Each structure stands twice: as structure tokens, then as C-alpha cells.
Amino acid sequence: MTQVIVLNGGSSSGKSGIARCLQAVLPDPWLAFGVDTLIQAMPASMQVSDAGIEFAPDGEVIVGPEFRTLETAWIEGVTAMARAGARVIVDEVFLGGAASQQRWQKALGGVQVLWVGVRCESTVAAAREIARGDRVTGMAASQADVVHRGVIYDLEVDTTRSESMECARIIADRIE
């Protein structure tokens, strides 16, 4: 039985919308957690320190060792919830591509996971980013391809021309 769905895609690719739609269409209750939640839970000082997380004016995201320590604890916490019986949707941005997936794979060993790539053309994601108004301009374009480098998926969806609900139904059809 699938315990965890990992949605990986760049900023403004549609992962959060898909997660909400999955919660609506899946028959059992699923918890949804995103890397944005982790970042919002961190003290503001983490965003002004080289050891934390930095959002450069061009949209580049730079993470330091203190961020990695907290990220590891967060990944382990999400994994513990799945091991305790919760079904979990993870909304992630694999800035390190395959290396990011490997951190999750190591923690989730023995847990049934559906790995989903959420793709979106960078121009469409960039337009969404501007419309949202809560992101550093350039994040969507800079992340659109790099987050997928070397990542192995069970399934991929593309939100460029597909609505979140359509993507969620495709994913839901793969859940055991």
C-alpha cells in the first residue's frame, strides 16, 4: 500500500494545487506537507545567514549546513508519520536533483512511495510566479529543469496545459 506520494517540481509548477486535489479525490485521509512549510517554520535569522537558506535576487536558492540539519530532521519526521500509519503527500523542490531524491530515499527505506515528477514549461511557471506575487522573480525559470536532473519517477505529470485536478486523478489512479 502506498504510504507516501512525493511530488517534485520547480517553484510555481503546480505541486501544492495537485496536493490539495489529491486530498479531495483520494478515499482515505492524506496529510500534505511542503518544503515551504519547513522554510516558514524556521526563524527569520535562517534567511540572513550563510548557514541557513538564501533567496538571491535572481531567484537562485542557496542552502547552508544549518538548513540541511533542519531539513534532515523534517524528512525524518515526515517519514516517522508514514511509518506510524499516516498517508502523506510531500510537496518538494529537489534543488539538488538526484542527490535530493537520495536523501528522501534513504529516510523512506521500506516505506511504499510513489515518486511523481511535476513538470511545467518554464515560461508558464514564470507567469504563475508573477501572478502569485509571493516568490522571488526568477525562481520558477531557474528551477524548472534542474529539480528533475537525475531523478527517477514512477509517474510524471505536466501542468503546463493540464489542471491540478486532472493531474491529481492521474496520480490517484496509481495509488495502491
C-alpha atoms as a PDB file:
ATOM      1  CA  MET A   1       0.000   0.000   0.000  1.00  0.00           C
ATOM      2  CA  THR A   2       1.333   3.434  -0.951  1.00  0.00           C
ATOM      3  CA  GLN A   3       2.133   5.438   2.185  1.00  0.00           C
ATOM      4  CA  VAL A   4       3.861   8.468   0.670  1.00  0.00           C
ATOM      5  CA  ILE A   5       3.437  10.444  -2.540  1.00  0.00           C
ATOM      6  CA  VAL A   6       6.416  12.678  -3.287  1.00  0.00           C
ATOM      7  CA  LEU A   7       5.611  15.485  -5.722  1.00  0.00           C
ATOM      8  CA  ASN A   8       8.808  17.061  -7.051  1.00  0.00           C
ATOM      9  CA  GLY A   9       8.833  20.115  -9.261  1.00  0.00           C
ATOM     10  CA  GLY A  10      10.096  23.644  -9.540  1.00  0.00           C
ATOM     11  CA  SER A  11       8.567  26.683  -7.934  1.00  0.00           C
ATOM     12  CA  SER A  12       5.086  27.527  -9.292  1.00  0.00           C
ATOM     13  CA  SER A  13       4.846  24.226 -11.175  1.00  0.00           C
ATOM     14  CA  GLY A  14       1.530  23.348  -9.500  1.00  0.00           C
ATOM     15  CA  LYS A  15       2.559  20.889  -6.781  1.00  0.00           C
ATOM     16  CA  SER A  16       0.544  22.492  -3.973  1.00  0.00           C
ATOM     17  CA  GLY A  17      -2.610  22.589  -6.081  1.00  0.00           C
ATOM     18  CA  ILE A  18      -2.155  18.937  -7.013  1.00  0.00           C
ATOM     19  CA  ALA A  19      -1.637  18.038  -3.332  1.00  0.00           C
ATOM     20  CA  ARG A  20      -4.921  19.748  -2.360  1.00  0.00           C
ATOM     21  CA  CYS A  21      -6.749  17.993  -5.217  1.00  0.00           C
ATOM     22  CA  LEU A  22      -5.262  14.632  -4.185  1.00  0.00           C
ATOM     23  CA  GLN A  23      -6.614  15.167  -0.684  1.00  0.00           C
ATOM     24  CA  ALA A  24     -10.038  15.758  -2.232  1.00  0.00           C
ATOM     25  CA  VAL A  25     -10.084  12.740  -4.569  1.00  0.00           C
ATOM     26  CA  LEU A  26      -8.287  10.054  -2.571  1.00  0.00           C
ATOM     27  CA  PRO A  27     -10.674   7.946  -0.473  1.00  0.00           C
ATOM     28  CA  ASP A  28      -8.519   7.900   2.679  1.00  0.00           C
ATOM     29  CA  PRO A  29      -7.246  10.958   4.567  1.00  0.00           C
ATOM     30  CA  TRP A  30      -3.789  12.098   3.461  1.00  0.00           C
ATOM     31  CA  LEU A  31      -1.621  14.688   5.209  1.00  0.00           C
ATOM     32  CA  ALA A  32       0.146  17.205   2.943  1.00  0.00           C
ATOM     33  CA  PHE A  33       3.476  18.776   3.828  1.00  0.00           C
ATOM     34  CA  GLY A  34       5.607  21.048   1.679  1.00  0.00           C
ATOM     35  CA  VAL A  35       9.133  22.312   1.846  1.00  0.00           C
ATOM     36  CA  ASP A  36       7.566  25.786   2.048  1.00  0.00           C
ATOM     37  CA  THR A  37       6.095  24.758   5.415  1.00  0.00           C
ATOM     38  CA  LEU A  38       9.581  23.821   6.618  1.00  0.00           C
ATOM     39  CA  ILE A  39      11.002  27.162   5.492  1.00  0.00           C
ATOM     40  CA  GLN A  40       8.150  29.116   7.119  1.00  0.00           C
ATOM     41  CA  ALA A  41       8.731  27.230  10.387  1.00  0.00           C
ATOM     42  CA  MET A  42      12.372  28.346  10.517  1.00  0.00           C
ATOM     43  CA  PRO A  43      13.383  31.505  12.367  1.00  0.00           C
ATOM     44  CA  ALA A  44      13.802  34.605  10.187  1.00  0.00           C
ATOM     45  CA  SER A  45      17.515  34.595  11.041  1.00  0.00           C
ATOM     46  CA  MET A  46      17.908  31.475   8.886  1.00  0.00           C
ATOM     47  CA  GLN A  47      17.190  33.628   5.818  1.00  0.00           C
ATOM     48  CA  VAL A  48      20.001  36.075   6.530  1.00  0.00           C
ATOM     49  CA  SER A  49      22.717  33.580   7.360  1.00  0.00           C
ATOM     50  CA  ASP A  50      25.074  31.720   5.012  1.00  0.00           C
ATOM     51  CA  ALA A  51      24.366  28.645   7.123  1.00  0.00           C
ATOM     52  CA  GLY A  52      20.599  28.885   6.521  1.00  0.00           C
ATOM     53  CA  ILE A  53      18.716  29.476   3.267  1.00  0.00           C
ATOM     54  CA  GLU A  54      19.159  32.421   0.951  1.00  0.00           C
ATOM     55  CA  PHE A  55      16.877  33.570  -1.851  1.00  0.00           C
ATOM     56  CA  ALA A  56      19.077  35.507  -4.267  1.00  0.00           C
ATOM     57  CA  PRO A  57      17.596  38.418  -6.252  1.00  0.00           C
ATOM     58  CA  ASP A  58      17.818  36.345  -9.471  1.00  0.00           C
ATOM     59  CA  GLY A  59      15.744  33.517  -7.975  1.00  0.00           C
ATOM     60  CA  GLU A  60      18.622  31.211  -7.059  1.00  0.00           C
ATOM     61  CA  VAL A  61      18.156  29.362  -3.766  1.00  0.00           C
ATOM     62  CA  ILE A  62      21.304  28.688  -1.728  1.00  0.00           C
ATOM     63  CA  VAL A  63      21.189  26.388   1.283  1.00  0.00           C
ATOM     64  CA  GLY A  64      23.737  26.062   4.056  1.00  0.00           C
ATOM     65  CA  PRO A  65      24.591  23.471   6.718  1.00  0.00           C
ATOM     66  CA  GLU A  66      22.071  24.657   9.354  1.00  0.00           C
ATOM     67  CA  PHE A  67      19.279  24.397   6.775  1.00  0.00           C
ATOM     68  CA  ARG A  68      20.431  20.867   5.863  1.00  0.00           C
ATOM     69  CA  THR A  69      20.370  19.845   9.531  1.00  0.00           C
ATOM     70  CA  LEU A  70      16.795  21.049   9.966  1.00  0.00           C
ATOM     71  CA  GLU A  71      15.779  19.592   6.603  1.00  0.00           C
ATOM     72  CA  THR A  72      17.098  16.182   7.676  1.00  0.00           C
ATOM     73  CA  ALA A  73      15.082  16.363  10.894  1.00  0.00           C
ATOM     74  CA  TRP A  74      11.980  17.354   8.886  1.00  0.00           C
ATOM     75  CA  ILE A  75      12.428  14.466   6.427  1.00  0.00           C
ATOM     76  CA  GLU A  76      12.832  12.045   9.336  1.00  0.00           C
ATOM     77  CA  GLY A  77       9.716  13.492  10.990  1.00  0.00           C
ATOM     78  CA  VAL A  78       7.610  13.101   7.841  1.00  0.00           C
ATOM     79  CA  THR A  79       8.931   9.547   7.483  1.00  0.00           C
ATOM     80  CA  ALA A  80       8.045   8.783  11.111  1.00  0.00           C
ATOM     81  CA  MET A  81       4.445   9.854  10.458  1.00  0.00           C
ATOM     82  CA  ALA A  82       4.262   7.496   7.473  1.00  0.00           C
ATOM     83  CA  ARG A  83       5.781   4.659   9.499  1.00  0.00           C
ATOM     84  CA  ALA A  84       3.178   5.342  12.224  1.00  0.00           C
ATOM     85  CA  GLY A  85       0.363   4.817   9.709  1.00  0.00           C
ATOM     86  CA  ALA A  86      -0.332   8.252   8.245  1.00  0.00           C
ATOM     87  CA  ARG A  87      -0.546   8.564   4.494  1.00  0.00           C
ATOM     88  CA  VAL A  88       1.499  11.579   3.416  1.00  0.00           C
ATOM     89  CA  ILE A  89       1.829  13.804   0.350  1.00  0.00           C
ATOM     90  CA  VAL A  90       5.164  15.627   0.167  1.00  0.00           C
ATOM     91  CA  ASP A  91       5.397  18.807  -1.947  1.00  0.00           C
ATOM     92  CA  GLU A  92       9.133  19.133  -2.637  1.00  0.00           C
ATOM     93  CA  VAL A  93      11.672  21.031  -4.731  1.00  0.00           C
ATOM     94  CA  PHE A  94      14.731  18.856  -5.371  1.00  0.00           C
ATOM     95  CA  LEU A  95      17.246  21.675  -5.809  1.00  0.00           C
ATOM     96  CA  GLY A  96      19.997  19.049  -5.865  1.00  0.00           C
ATOM     97  CA  GLY A  97      18.191  16.805  -8.354  1.00  0.00           C
ATOM     98  CA  ALA A  98      19.156  13.159  -7.777  1.00  0.00           C
ATOM     99  CA  ALA A  99      21.063  13.951  -4.545  1.00  0.00           C
ATOM    100  CA  SER A 100      17.875  15.431  -3.054  1.00  0.00           C
ATOM    101  CA  GLN A 101      15.881  12.340  -4.010  1.00  0.00           C
ATOM    102  CA  GLN A 102      18.558  10.129  -2.459  1.00  0.00           C
ATOM    103  CA  ARG A 103      18.170  11.920   0.912  1.00  0.00           C
ATOM    104  CA  TRP A 104      14.447  11.086   0.860  1.00  0.00           C
ATOM    105  CA  GLN A 105      15.042   7.518  -0.376  1.00  0.00           C
ATOM    106  CA  LYS A 106      17.445   6.866   2.489  1.00  0.00           C
ATOM    107  CA  ALA A 107      14.927   8.081   5.079  1.00  0.00           C
ATOM    108  CA  LEU A 108      11.950   6.360   3.439  1.00  0.00           C
ATOM    109  CA  GLY A 109      13.613   2.947   3.116  1.00  0.00           C
ATOM    110  CA  GLY A 110      10.959   0.236   3.460  1.00  0.00           C
ATOM    111  CA  VAL A 111       8.056   2.690   3.007  1.00  0.00           C
ATOM    112  CA  GLN A 112       5.964   2.350  -0.171  1.00  0.00           C
ATOM    113  CA  VAL A 113       6.486   5.605  -2.109  1.00  0.00           C
ATOM    114  CA  LEU A 114       5.059   6.929  -5.372  1.00  0.00           C
ATOM    115  CA  TRP A 115       7.604   9.316  -6.896  1.00  0.00           C
ATOM    116  CA  VAL A 116       5.887  11.917  -9.098  1.00  0.00           C
ATOM    117  CA  GLY A 117       7.589  14.494 -11.298  1.00  0.00           C
ATOM    118  CA  VAL A 118       5.545  17.662 -11.709  1.00  0.00           C
ATOM    119  CA  ARG A 119       6.696  19.419 -14.843  1.00  0.00           C
ATOM    120  CA  CYS A 120       5.690  22.789 -16.218  1.00  0.00           C
ATOM    121  CA  GLU A 121       7.200  24.809 -19.063  1.00  0.00           C
ATOM    122  CA  SER A 122       9.387  27.494 -17.522  1.00  0.00           C
ATOM    123  CA  THR A 123       7.557  30.343 -19.282  1.00  0.00           C
ATOM    124  CA  VAL A 124       4.209  29.195 -17.865  1.00  0.00           C
ATOM    125  CA  ALA A 125       5.660  28.694 -14.375  1.00  0.00           C
ATOM    126  CA  ALA A 126       7.281  32.147 -14.574  1.00  0.00           C
ATOM    127  CA  ALA A 127       3.917  33.728 -15.457  1.00  0.00           C
ATOM    128  CA  ARG A 128       2.321  31.954 -12.478  1.00  0.00           C
ATOM    129  CA  GLU A 129       5.161  33.192 -10.277  1.00  0.00           C
ATOM    130  CA  ILE A 130       4.455  36.809 -11.263  1.00  0.00           C
ATOM    131  CA  ALA A 131       0.700  36.336 -10.753  1.00  0.00           C
ATOM    132  CA  ARG A 132       1.268  34.856  -7.285  1.00  0.00           C
ATOM    133  CA  GLY A 133       3.408  37.758  -6.173  1.00  0.00           C
ATOM    134  CA  ASP A 134       4.874  35.852  -3.207  1.00  0.00           C
ATOM    135  CA  ARG A 135       8.020  34.473  -4.865  1.00  0.00           C
ATOM    136  CA  VAL A 136      11.350  35.915  -5.897  1.00  0.00           C
ATOM    137  CA  THR A 137      11.140  36.529  -9.625  1.00  0.00           C
ATOM    138  CA  GLY A 138      13.302  34.016 -11.443  1.00  0.00           C
ATOM    139  CA  MET A 139      12.825  31.041  -9.120  1.00  0.00           C
ATOM    140  CA  ALA A 140      10.361  29.293 -11.445  1.00  0.00           C
ATOM    141  CA  ALA A 141      12.579  29.595 -14.517  1.00  0.00           C
ATOM    142  CA  SER A 142      15.768  28.633 -12.689  1.00  0.00           C
ATOM    143  CA  GLN A 143      14.179  25.546 -11.080  1.00  0.00           C
ATOM    144  CA  ALA A 144      12.005  24.235 -13.931  1.00  0.00           C
ATOM    145  CA  ASP A 145      14.609  21.767 -15.235  1.00  0.00           C
ATOM    146  CA  VAL A 146      17.302  21.469 -12.551  1.00  0.00           C
ATOM    147  CA  VAL A 147      14.969  19.843  -9.995  1.00  0.00           C
ATOM    148  CA  HIS A 148      14.413  16.885 -12.344  1.00  0.00           C
ATOM    149  CA  ARG A 149      18.080  16.164 -13.208  1.00  0.00           C
ATOM    150  CA  GLY A 150      18.859  12.540 -12.482  1.00  0.00           C
ATOM    151  CA  VAL A 151      15.592  11.978 -10.587  1.00  0.00           C
ATOM    152  CA  ILE A 152      13.789   8.674 -11.178  1.00  0.00           C
ATOM    153  CA  TYR A 153       9.986   8.832 -11.189  1.00  0.00           C
ATOM    154  CA  ASP A 154       7.180   6.308 -11.163  1.00  0.00           C
ATOM    155  CA  LEU A 155       4.975   8.847 -12.916  1.00  0.00           C
ATOM    156  CA  GLU A 156       5.220  12.320 -14.410  1.00  0.00           C
ATOM    157  CA  VAL A 157       2.512  14.923 -14.945  1.00  0.00           C
ATOM    158  CA  ASP A 158       2.710  18.224 -16.799  1.00  0.00           C
ATOM    159  CA  THR A 159       0.743  21.199 -15.542  1.00  0.00           C
ATOM    160  CA  THR A 160       1.605  23.403 -18.499  1.00  0.00           C
ATOM    161  CA  ARG A 161      -1.790  22.739 -20.077  1.00  0.00           C
ATOM    162  CA  SER A 162      -3.423  20.390 -17.533  1.00  0.00           C
ATOM    163  CA  GLU A 163      -5.368  21.471 -14.469  1.00  0.00           C
ATOM    164  CA  SER A 164      -4.365  20.316 -10.986  1.00  0.00           C
ATOM    165  CA  MET A 165      -7.447  18.104 -10.662  1.00  0.00           C
ATOM    166  CA  GLU A 166      -6.678  16.272 -13.906  1.00  0.00           C
ATOM    167  CA  CYS A 167      -3.113  15.631 -12.707  1.00  0.00           C
ATOM    168  CA  ALA A 168      -4.387  14.521  -9.288  1.00  0.00           C
ATOM    169  CA  ARG A 169      -6.713  11.976 -10.890  1.00  0.00           C
ATOM    170  CA  ILE A 170      -3.848  10.544 -12.950  1.00  0.00           C
ATOM    171  CA  ILE A 171      -1.792  10.181  -9.772  1.00  0.00           C
ATOM    172  CA  ALA A 172      -4.714   8.779  -7.779  1.00  0.00           C
ATOM    173  CA  ASP A 173      -5.143   6.029 -10.376  1.00  0.00           C
ATOM    174  CA  ARG A 174      -1.623   4.819  -9.463  1.00  0.00           C
ATOM    175  CA  ILE A 175      -2.224   4.609  -5.702  1.00  0.00           C
ATOM    176  CA  GLU A 176      -2.464   1.126  -4.228  1.00  0.00           C
END
